[in-house]
Amino acid sequence: MPYGIQTVTNCQICGKEFPSRAIVVNDIEGKYIYTCPQCYSLLLICSTCEYNNTCGFINDHSEPPIVQRTIRQGMMTMTTQIKNPNLV
């Protein structure tokens, strides 16, 4: 390839063009998905889930989707937010 010429490819998630040298190849359940670095950071979370529109976790309003969890290790206590295990 001549110097200064860049090839571009399209992300399979967002469809945007980006330089081919930045491609990220992901093997998800036996399917290869080519993504841009930005969409790679969103893989395997709600934003890119194929069931996003019909997800029971998002659409079930019987309980809060996020709950607080307290973890104790020795003298240290840490509180963090997690997805509600009753809805997951």
Protein backbone atom coordinates (compact mmCIF):
# COMPACT_ATOMS: atom_id res chain seq x y z
CA MET A 1 0.00 0.00 0.00
CA PRO A 2 1.45 3.39 -0.91
CA TYR A 3 2.51 5.65 1.91
CA GLY A 4 -0.22 8.00 3.17
CA ILE A 5 -3.18 5.98 1.90
CA GLN A 6 -5.37 4.56 4.62
CA THR A 7 -7.99 1.89 4.16
CA VAL A 8 -11.22 2.27 6.05
CA THR A 9 -13.79 -0.22 7.22
CA ASN A 10 -17.27 0.03 8.70
CA CYS A 11 -18.07 -0.97 12.26
CA GLN A 12 -20.61 -3.80 12.39
CA ILE A 13 -22.36 -2.19 15.36
CA CYS A 14 -22.55 1.56 14.70
CA GLY A 15 -21.85 1.46 10.93
CA LYS A 16 -19.37 4.35 11.07
CA GLU A 17 -16.21 4.32 8.98
CA PHE A 18 -12.90 4.19 10.80
CA PRO A 19 -9.27 3.38 9.85
CA SER A 20 -8.72 -0.35 9.33
CA ARG A 21 -5.61 -0.25 11.50
CA ALA A 22 -7.87 0.39 14.53
CA ILE A 23 -10.15 -2.61 13.93
CA VAL A 24 -11.00 -4.82 16.90
CA VAL A 25 -12.03 -8.41 16.12
CA ASN A 26 -14.27 -10.06 18.71
CA ASP A 27 -15.30 -13.70 18.92
CA ILE A 28 -18.73 -13.73 20.57
CA GLU A 29 -20.39 -17.13 20.78
CA GLY A 30 -18.66 -18.32 17.61
CA LYS A 31 -19.46 -15.19 15.57
CA TYR A 32 -16.71 -12.77 14.55
CA ILE A 33 -17.68 -9.15 14.95
CA TYR A 34 -15.53 -6.31 13.62
CA THR A 35 -15.89 -3.16 15.69
CA CYS A 36 -14.40 0.26 16.11
CA PRO A 37 -12.60 0.88 19.43
CA GLN A 38 -15.53 2.96 20.73
CA CYS A 39 -18.09 0.18 20.20
CA TYR A 40 -15.66 -2.39 21.61
CA SER A 41 -15.91 -0.66 24.98
CA LEU A 42 -19.72 -1.14 24.84
CA LEU A 43 -19.70 -4.85 23.94
CA LEU A 44 -21.50 -7.33 26.19
CA ILE A 45 -23.46 -4.66 28.05
CA CYS A 46 -27.05 -3.46 27.61
CA SER A 47 -26.13 -0.91 24.91
CA THR A 48 -25.22 -3.59 22.38
CA CYS A 49 -27.47 -6.44 23.50
CA GLU A 50 -29.69 -7.86 20.74
CA TYR A 51 -32.52 -8.25 23.29
CA ASN A 52 -32.34 -4.62 24.39
CA ASN A 53 -35.91 -3.83 23.25
CA THR A 54 -37.52 -6.88 24.87
CA CYS A 55 -35.30 -7.15 27.95
CA GLY A 56 -37.11 -8.10 31.12
CA PHE A 57 -34.43 -6.46 33.23
CA ILE A 58 -35.06 -3.05 31.68
CA ASN A 59 -38.85 -3.37 31.29
CA ASP A 60 -39.68 -4.92 34.69
CA HIS A 61 -40.50 -2.10 37.10
CA SER A 62 -41.57 -4.28 40.04
CA GLU A 63 -38.22 -3.67 41.79
CA PRO A 64 -35.40 -1.15 41.41
CA PRO A 65 -32.93 -2.18 38.67
CA ILE A 66 -29.89 -1.16 40.75
CA VAL A 67 -29.33 -2.04 44.42
CA GLN A 68 -26.57 -1.30 46.89
CA ARG A 69 -24.27 -4.08 48.02
CA THR A 70 -21.98 -3.88 51.04
CA ILE A 71 -18.82 -5.98 51.11
CA ARG A 72 -16.78 -6.40 54.28
CA GLN A 73 -13.20 -7.61 54.34
CA GLY A 74 -11.56 -7.42 57.73
CA MET A 75 -11.72 -3.80 58.89
CA MET A 76 -12.66 -2.49 55.43
CA THR A 77 -16.26 -1.96 54.33
CA MET A 78 -17.08 -1.11 50.73
CA THR A 79 -20.49 -0.18 49.33
CA THR A 80 -21.12 -0.47 45.60
CA GLN A 81 -24.05 -0.52 43.21
CA ILE A 82 -24.93 -3.72 41.30
CA LYS A 83 -27.73 -4.93 39.06
CA ASN A 84 -30.61 -6.22 41.16
CA PRO A 85 -30.06 -10.01 41.36
CA ASN A 86 -33.84 -10.59 41.62
CA LEU A 87 -34.31 -9.11 38.15
CA VAL A 88 -31.25 -10.64 36.53
